[in-house]
Amino acid sequence: MCGNLSKHNFTRAGRVAEKLKDILVNRGISITIEDALLALPGFYERFHKDILNYHGSTIAEFLNNIRWGIYEYLQPEFKRSIEYYGDDNPQKYHFLYPDGMNSEFAKKCYWDLMNEMRSKPFMRRFVVSQSLKGSY
């Protein structure tokens, strides 16, 4: 609903107001469509600006944890598959594909993924303050 309010001007907010009205009716609160339209600016302020800003750092922590989890999970495969050769600086390398990987598309995806595993995620691990996780 906030996305629709963000991309459309107020004259196209009727559908969003109708949705807000339906949500409230499902919760036992009966309002008119006019009241729903009047509530939209406050709704948008609360659920787009306040809550999203509040949760933004926690979402960033979660996404960073996922990135680190993928990196750590794939490290054994990366170490198994990378093979350095030559005396050049920087050293040349290639990857040893898993047994049975015959598709050129799969090999390309594997190569790109293993290349990503050559360096740690650029954002260090961090933990957001508990005060940013206790509400809502």
N, C-alpha and C. Protein backbone atom coordinates (compact mmCIF):
# COMPACT_ATOMS: atom_id res chain seq x y z
N MET A 1 0.82 -1.18 0.00
CA MET A 1 0.00 0.00 0.00
C MET A 1 0.88 1.26 0.00
N CYS A 2 1.93 1.25 0.80
CA CYS A 2 2.83 2.40 0.82
C CYS A 2 3.52 2.57 -0.53
N GLY A 3 3.86 1.46 -1.17
CA GLY A 3 4.48 1.54 -2.48
C GLY A 3 3.55 2.19 -3.49
N ASN A 4 2.28 1.82 -3.46
CA ASN A 4 1.32 2.44 -4.37
C ASN A 4 1.15 3.92 -4.06
N LEU A 5 1.13 4.29 -2.78
CA LEU A 5 1.03 5.70 -2.43
C LEU A 5 2.27 6.47 -2.87
N SER A 6 3.42 5.80 -2.85
CA SER A 6 4.67 6.46 -3.24
C SER A 6 4.72 6.75 -4.73
N LYS A 7 4.19 5.83 -5.53
CA LYS A 7 4.35 6.00 -6.97
C LYS A 7 3.19 6.71 -7.65
N HIS A 8 2.08 6.89 -6.94
CA HIS A 8 0.92 7.56 -7.54
C HIS A 8 0.60 8.82 -6.75
N ASN A 9 -0.01 9.79 -7.42
CA ASN A 9 -0.42 10.98 -6.70
C ASN A 9 -1.74 10.72 -5.98
N PHE A 10 -2.16 11.72 -5.21
CA PHE A 10 -3.32 11.55 -4.35
C PHE A 10 -4.59 11.23 -5.12
N THR A 11 -4.71 11.71 -6.35
CA THR A 11 -5.93 11.46 -7.12
C THR A 11 -6.10 9.99 -7.47
N ARG A 12 -5.02 9.21 -7.40
CA ARG A 12 -5.11 7.78 -7.69
C ARG A 12 -5.08 6.94 -6.44
N ALA A 13 -5.33 7.56 -5.29
CA ALA A 13 -5.23 6.86 -4.01
C ALA A 13 -6.52 6.13 -3.64
N GLY A 14 -7.53 6.20 -4.47
CA GLY A 14 -8.82 5.58 -4.15
C GLY A 14 -8.72 4.09 -3.87
N ARG A 15 -7.94 3.39 -4.67
CA ARG A 15 -7.80 1.94 -4.47
C ARG A 15 -7.11 1.63 -3.15
N VAL A 16 -6.11 2.44 -2.82
CA VAL A 16 -5.40 2.22 -1.56
C VAL A 16 -6.34 2.52 -0.39
N ALA A 17 -7.13 3.57 -0.51
CA ALA A 17 -8.10 3.90 0.54
C ALA A 17 -9.12 2.78 0.70
N GLU A 18 -9.54 2.22 -0.41
CA GLU A 18 -10.49 1.09 -0.35
C GLU A 18 -9.86 -0.10 0.36
N LYS A 19 -8.60 -0.38 0.06
CA LYS A 19 -7.88 -1.48 0.72
C LYS A 19 -7.74 -1.22 2.21
N LEU A 20 -7.40 0.01 2.59
CA LEU A 20 -7.29 0.37 4.01
C LEU A 20 -8.64 0.19 4.70
N LYS A 21 -9.70 0.63 4.04
CA LYS A 21 -11.04 0.47 4.59
C LYS A 21 -11.37 -1.01 4.80
N ASP A 22 -11.06 -1.86 3.82
CA ASP A 22 -11.31 -3.30 3.93
C ASP A 22 -10.52 -3.92 5.07
N ILE A 23 -9.29 -3.52 5.22
CA ILE A 23 -8.46 -4.05 6.31
C ILE A 23 -9.08 -3.70 7.65
N LEU A 24 -9.51 -2.45 7.79
CA LEU A 24 -10.12 -2.03 9.05
C LEU A 24 -11.45 -2.73 9.30
N VAL A 25 -12.24 -2.93 8.25
CA VAL A 25 -13.50 -3.65 8.39
C VAL A 25 -13.24 -5.08 8.87
N ASN A 26 -12.20 -5.72 8.33
CA ASN A 26 -11.84 -7.07 8.77
C ASN A 26 -11.41 -7.11 10.23
N ARG A 27 -11.03 -5.99 10.77
CA ARG A 27 -10.64 -5.87 12.19
C ARG A 27 -11.78 -5.34 13.05
N GLY A 28 -12.96 -5.19 12.44
CA GLY A 28 -14.12 -4.74 13.21
C GLY A 28 -14.26 -3.24 13.32
N ILE A 29 -13.55 -2.49 12.49
CA ILE A 29 -13.61 -1.03 12.53
C ILE A 29 -14.26 -0.56 11.24
N SER A 30 -15.39 0.09 11.35
CA SER A 30 -16.12 0.54 10.18
C SER A 30 -15.86 2.02 9.94
N ILE A 31 -15.34 2.35 8.75
CA ILE A 31 -15.10 3.75 8.38
C ILE A 31 -15.62 3.96 6.96
N THR A 32 -15.81 5.21 6.62
CA THR A 32 -16.24 5.54 5.26
C THR A 32 -15.01 5.63 4.36
N ILE A 33 -15.25 5.62 3.07
CA ILE A 33 -14.14 5.78 2.12
C ILE A 33 -13.50 7.16 2.28
N GLU A 34 -14.31 8.16 2.62
CA GLU A 34 -13.76 9.50 2.85
C GLU A 34 -12.81 9.50 4.04
N ASP A 35 -13.19 8.81 5.12
CA ASP A 35 -12.31 8.72 6.29
C ASP A 35 -11.02 7.98 5.94
N ALA A 36 -11.15 6.96 5.11
CA ALA A 36 -9.96 6.21 4.69
C ALA A 36 -9.03 7.10 3.87
N LEU A 37 -9.61 7.91 2.97
CA LEU A 37 -8.80 8.84 2.19
C LEU A 37 -8.10 9.86 3.09
N LEU A 38 -8.81 10.34 4.10
CA LEU A 38 -8.21 11.30 5.03
C LEU A 38 -7.12 10.66 5.88
N ALA A 39 -7.21 9.37 6.10
CA ALA A 39 -6.23 8.67 6.93
C ALA A 39 -4.96 8.32 6.17
N LEU A 40 -5.00 8.36 4.85
CA LEU A 40 -3.84 7.92 4.05
C LEU A 40 -2.54 8.67 4.34
N PRO A 41 -2.54 9.99 4.46
CA PRO A 41 -1.26 10.65 4.78
C PRO A 41 -0.65 10.18 6.09
N GLY A 42 -1.46 10.02 7.13
CA GLY A 42 -0.97 9.51 8.41
C GLY A 42 -0.51 8.07 8.30
N PHE A 43 -1.29 7.26 7.56
CA PHE A 43 -0.92 5.87 7.33
C PHE A 43 0.44 5.79 6.65
N TYR A 44 0.62 6.57 5.61
CA TYR A 44 1.88 6.57 4.86
C TYR A 44 3.04 7.00 5.76
N GLU A 45 2.83 8.06 6.50
CA GLU A 45 3.89 8.56 7.40
C GLU A 45 4.29 7.48 8.39
N ARG A 46 3.33 6.82 8.96
CA ARG A 46 3.61 5.82 10.00
C ARG A 46 4.26 4.56 9.43
N PHE A 47 3.70 4.02 8.36
CA PHE A 47 4.14 2.72 7.88
C PHE A 47 5.23 2.79 6.82
N HIS A 48 5.42 3.91 6.17
CA HIS A 48 6.50 4.01 5.20
C HIS A 48 7.73 4.68 5.81
N LYS A 49 7.51 5.78 6.44
CA LYS A 49 8.65 6.54 6.95
C LYS A 49 9.10 6.05 8.32
N ASP A 50 8.19 5.95 9.28
CA ASP A 50 8.59 5.56 10.65
C ASP A 50 9.05 4.12 10.75
N ILE A 51 8.19 3.19 10.38
CA ILE A 51 8.49 1.78 10.59
C ILE A 51 9.63 1.32 9.69
N LEU A 52 9.64 1.74 8.44
CA LEU A 52 10.72 1.33 7.55
C LEU A 52 12.05 1.88 8.04
N ASN A 53 12.05 3.13 8.46
CA ASN A 53 13.29 3.69 9.01
C ASN A 53 13.71 2.96 10.27
N TYR A 54 12.75 2.64 11.11
CA TYR A 54 13.04 1.92 12.35
C TYR A 54 13.67 0.56 12.05
N HIS A 55 13.09 -0.17 11.11
CA HIS A 55 13.56 -1.52 10.81
C HIS A 55 14.72 -1.56 9.82
N GLY A 56 15.06 -0.44 9.20
CA GLY A 56 16.09 -0.43 8.16
C GLY A 56 17.41 -1.00 8.63
N SER A 57 17.87 -0.63 9.81
CA SER A 57 19.16 -1.13 10.29
C SER A 57 19.09 -2.62 10.60
N THR A 58 17.95 -3.07 11.13
CA THR A 58 17.79 -4.50 11.41
C THR A 58 17.76 -5.30 10.12
N ILE A 59 17.07 -4.79 9.10
CA ILE A 59 17.05 -5.45 7.80
C ILE A 59 18.46 -5.52 7.22
N ALA A 60 19.22 -4.44 7.36
CA ALA A 60 20.60 -4.43 6.88
C ALA A 60 21.42 -5.49 7.61
N GLU A 61 21.23 -5.63 8.92
CA GLU A 61 21.94 -6.66 9.68
C GLU A 61 21.58 -8.05 9.16
N PHE A 62 20.30 -8.29 8.94
CA PHE A 62 19.86 -9.61 8.45
C PHE A 62 20.46 -9.91 7.08
N LEU A 63 20.41 -8.95 6.17
CA LEU A 63 20.97 -9.16 4.83
C LEU A 63 22.47 -9.40 4.89
N ASN A 64 23.15 -8.66 5.76
CA ASN A 64 24.59 -8.86 5.92
C ASN A 64 24.88 -10.26 6.48
N ASN A 65 24.06 -10.72 7.42
CA ASN A 65 24.23 -12.07 7.96
C ASN A 65 24.01 -13.14 6.89
N ILE A 66 23.05 -12.90 6.01
CA ILE A 66 22.83 -13.84 4.91
C ILE A 66 24.05 -13.89 4.00
N ARG A 67 24.59 -12.72 3.67
CA ARG A 67 25.77 -12.67 2.80
C ARG A 67 26.94 -13.40 3.44
N TRP A 68 27.18 -13.14 4.73
CA TRP A 68 28.26 -13.84 5.43
C TRP A 68 27.98 -15.34 5.53
N GLY A 69 26.73 -15.72 5.72
CA GLY A 69 26.38 -17.13 5.78
C GLY A 69 26.67 -17.84 4.47
N ILE A 70 26.34 -17.21 3.36
CA ILE A 70 26.64 -17.79 2.04
C ILE A 70 28.14 -17.92 1.86
N TYR A 71 28.87 -16.88 2.21
CA TYR A 71 30.33 -16.90 2.08
C TYR A 71 30.94 -18.04 2.89
N GLU A 72 30.55 -18.15 4.15
CA GLU A 72 31.11 -19.20 5.02
C GLU A 72 30.71 -20.60 4.56
N TYR A 73 29.48 -20.74 4.11
CA TYR A 73 28.99 -22.03 3.64
C TYR A 73 29.77 -22.50 2.41
N LEU A 74 30.12 -21.58 1.52
CA LEU A 74 30.78 -21.95 0.27
C LEU A 74 32.30 -22.02 0.37
N GLN A 75 32.89 -21.62 1.47
CA GLN A 75 34.34 -21.65 1.59
C GLN A 75 34.95 -23.04 1.40
N PRO A 76 34.39 -24.11 1.98
CA PRO A 76 34.98 -25.44 1.72
C PRO A 76 34.97 -25.80 0.22
N GLU A 77 33.90 -25.48 -0.48
CA GLU A 77 33.83 -25.77 -1.92
C GLU A 77 34.82 -24.90 -2.68
N PHE A 78 34.94 -23.65 -2.30
CA PHE A 78 35.90 -22.76 -2.94
C PHE A 78 37.32 -23.31 -2.77
N LYS A 79 37.68 -23.70 -1.56
CA LYS A 79 39.03 -24.20 -1.29
C LYS A 79 39.29 -25.51 -2.04
N ARG A 80 38.25 -26.32 -2.21
CA ARG A 80 38.39 -27.57 -2.95
C ARG A 80 38.63 -27.30 -4.43
N SER A 81 37.96 -26.29 -4.94
CA SER A 81 37.91 -26.14 -6.39
C SER A 81 38.97 -25.21 -6.98
N ILE A 82 39.52 -24.29 -6.20
CA ILE A 82 40.46 -23.34 -6.81
C ILE A 82 41.82 -23.99 -6.98
N GLU A 83 42.41 -23.74 -8.13
CA GLU A 83 43.73 -24.29 -8.43
C GLU A 83 44.56 -23.17 -9.07
N TYR A 84 45.66 -22.82 -8.40
CA TYR A 84 46.55 -21.77 -8.89
C TYR A 84 47.62 -22.39 -9.77
N TYR A 85 48.10 -21.61 -10.73
CA TYR A 85 49.18 -22.10 -11.59
C TYR A 85 50.00 -20.93 -12.10
N GLY A 86 51.19 -21.21 -12.53
CA GLY A 86 52.07 -20.19 -13.10
C GLY A 86 52.75 -19.35 -12.03
N ASP A 87 53.72 -18.56 -12.49
CA ASP A 87 54.50 -17.72 -11.58
C ASP A 87 54.14 -16.25 -11.71
N ASP A 88 53.07 -15.95 -12.42
CA ASP A 88 52.67 -14.56 -12.62
C ASP A 88 52.22 -13.93 -11.30
N ASN A 89 52.30 -12.61 -11.27
CA ASN A 89 51.79 -11.90 -10.12
C ASN A 89 50.80 -10.86 -10.63
N PRO A 90 49.53 -10.95 -10.41
CA PRO A 90 48.89 -11.93 -9.54
C PRO A 90 48.83 -13.31 -10.19
N GLN A 91 48.73 -14.30 -9.32
CA GLN A 91 48.73 -15.68 -9.79
C GLN A 91 47.50 -15.99 -10.63
N LYS A 92 47.69 -16.81 -11.64
CA LYS A 92 46.56 -17.28 -12.45
C LYS A 92 45.88 -18.42 -11.70
N TYR A 93 44.63 -18.62 -12.02
CA TYR A 93 43.88 -19.68 -11.35
C TYR A 93 42.77 -20.18 -12.28
N HIS A 94 42.26 -21.33 -11.92
CA HIS A 94 41.03 -21.81 -12.53
C HIS A 94 40.31 -22.63 -11.47
N PHE A 95 39.08 -23.00 -11.76
CA PHE A 95 38.30 -23.78 -10.82
C PHE A 95 38.09 -25.18 -11.36
N LEU A 96 38.16 -26.16 -10.48
CA LEU A 96 37.84 -27.54 -10.83
C LEU A 96 36.36 -27.73 -10.57
N TYR A 97 35.62 -27.99 -11.63
CA TYR A 97 34.17 -28.13 -11.50
C TYR A 97 33.81 -29.41 -10.76
N PRO A 98 32.68 -29.42 -10.07
CA PRO A 98 32.23 -30.66 -9.41
C PRO A 98 31.97 -31.76 -10.44
N ASP A 99 32.15 -32.98 -10.03
CA ASP A 99 31.88 -34.12 -10.91
C ASP A 99 30.44 -34.06 -11.41
N GLY A 100 30.29 -34.32 -12.67
CA GLY A 100 28.96 -34.37 -13.27
C GLY A 100 28.44 -33.03 -13.76
N MET A 101 29.18 -31.97 -13.57
CA MET A 101 28.73 -30.66 -14.05
C MET A 101 29.15 -30.54 -15.51
N ASN A 102 28.17 -30.72 -16.41
CA ASN A 102 28.47 -30.73 -17.83
C ASN A 102 27.89 -29.53 -18.58
N SER A 103 26.89 -28.91 -18.02
CA SER A 103 26.23 -27.79 -18.68
C SER A 103 27.15 -26.57 -18.68
N GLU A 104 27.29 -25.95 -19.84
CA GLU A 104 28.11 -24.74 -19.93
C GLU A 104 27.51 -23.60 -19.11
N PHE A 105 26.19 -23.53 -19.07
CA PHE A 105 25.53 -22.51 -18.26
C PHE A 105 25.85 -22.73 -16.78
N ALA A 106 25.75 -23.97 -16.30
CA ALA A 106 26.05 -24.27 -14.90
C ALA A 106 27.50 -23.97 -14.58
N LYS A 107 28.40 -24.27 -15.52
CA LYS A 107 29.82 -23.97 -15.30
C LYS A 107 30.05 -22.47 -15.18
N LYS A 108 29.38 -21.70 -16.02
CA LYS A 108 29.52 -20.25 -15.96
C LYS A 108 29.01 -19.71 -14.62
N CYS A 109 27.86 -20.21 -14.19
CA CYS A 109 27.30 -19.78 -12.89
C CYS A 109 28.24 -20.18 -11.75
N TYR A 110 28.78 -21.38 -11.82
CA TYR A 110 29.70 -21.87 -10.79
C TYR A 110 30.95 -20.99 -10.76
N TRP A 111 31.52 -20.69 -11.91
CA TRP A 111 32.72 -19.86 -11.99
C TRP A 111 32.47 -18.49 -11.36
N ASP A 112 31.35 -17.87 -11.72
CA ASP A 112 31.02 -16.55 -11.18
C ASP A 112 30.83 -16.61 -9.66
N LEU A 113 30.18 -17.65 -9.18
CA LEU A 113 29.96 -17.80 -7.74
C LEU A 113 31.28 -18.01 -7.01
N MET A 114 32.14 -18.87 -7.53
CA MET A 114 33.43 -19.11 -6.88
C MET A 114 34.31 -17.86 -6.94
N ASN A 115 34.22 -17.11 -8.01
CA ASN A 115 34.96 -15.85 -8.09
C ASN A 115 34.53 -14.89 -6.98
N GLU A 116 33.24 -14.88 -6.68
CA GLU A 116 32.74 -14.05 -5.58
C GLU A 116 33.32 -14.50 -4.24
N MET A 117 33.63 -15.77 -4.12
CA MET A 117 34.13 -16.32 -2.85
C MET A 117 35.62 -16.06 -2.64
N ARG A 118 36.27 -15.44 -3.61
CA ARG A 118 37.71 -15.16 -3.49
C ARG A 118 37.99 -14.11 -2.42
N SER A 119 37.03 -13.26 -2.14
CA SER A 119 37.24 -12.24 -1.10
C SER A 119 36.02 -12.21 -0.17
N LYS A 120 36.29 -11.81 1.06
CA LYS A 120 35.23 -11.73 2.07
C LYS A 120 34.24 -10.63 1.69
N PRO A 121 33.02 -10.73 2.23
CA PRO A 121 32.06 -9.64 2.01
C PRO A 121 32.67 -8.31 2.46
N PHE A 122 32.38 -7.25 1.74
CA PHE A 122 33.02 -5.96 2.03
C PHE A 122 32.53 -5.34 3.33
N MET A 123 31.33 -5.69 3.78
CA MET A 123 30.80 -5.15 5.02
C MET A 123 31.12 -6.11 6.17
N ARG A 124 31.81 -5.59 7.18
CA ARG A 124 32.10 -6.43 8.34
C ARG A 124 30.80 -6.84 9.03
N ARG A 125 30.84 -7.90 9.80
CA ARG A 125 29.67 -8.30 10.58
C ARG A 125 29.35 -7.20 11.59
N PHE A 126 28.07 -6.99 11.81
CA PHE A 126 27.66 -6.02 12.82
C PHE A 126 26.35 -6.47 13.44
N VAL A 127 26.07 -5.95 14.62
CA VAL A 127 24.83 -6.25 15.33
C VAL A 127 24.18 -4.92 15.67
N VAL A 128 22.91 -4.82 15.37
CA VAL A 128 22.15 -3.62 15.65
C VAL A 128 21.71 -3.64 17.10
N SER A 129 21.66 -2.49 17.70
CA SER A 129 21.24 -2.35 19.09
C SER A 129 19.86 -2.99 19.31
N GLN A 130 19.70 -3.64 20.45
CA GLN A 130 18.41 -4.26 20.78
C GLN A 130 17.30 -3.22 20.84
N SER A 131 17.63 -1.98 21.13
CA SER A 131 16.60 -0.94 21.18
C SER A 131 15.96 -0.71 19.81
N LEU A 132 16.59 -1.17 18.75
CA LEU A 132 16.03 -1.06 17.41
C LEU A 132 15.33 -2.34 16.97
N LYS A 133 15.13 -3.26 17.90
CA LYS A 133 14.48 -4.52 17.55
C LYS A 133 13.27 -4.85 18.43
N GLY A 134 12.98 -4.03 19.40
CA GLY A 134 11.97 -4.38 20.39
C GLY A 134 10.56 -3.94 20.10
N SER A 135 10.37 -3.06 19.13
CA SER A 135 9.02 -2.57 18.85
C SER A 135 8.47 -3.14 17.55
N TYR A 136 7.18 -3.04 17.39
CA TYR A 136 6.45 -3.49 16.21
C TYR A 136 6.53 -4.98 16.08
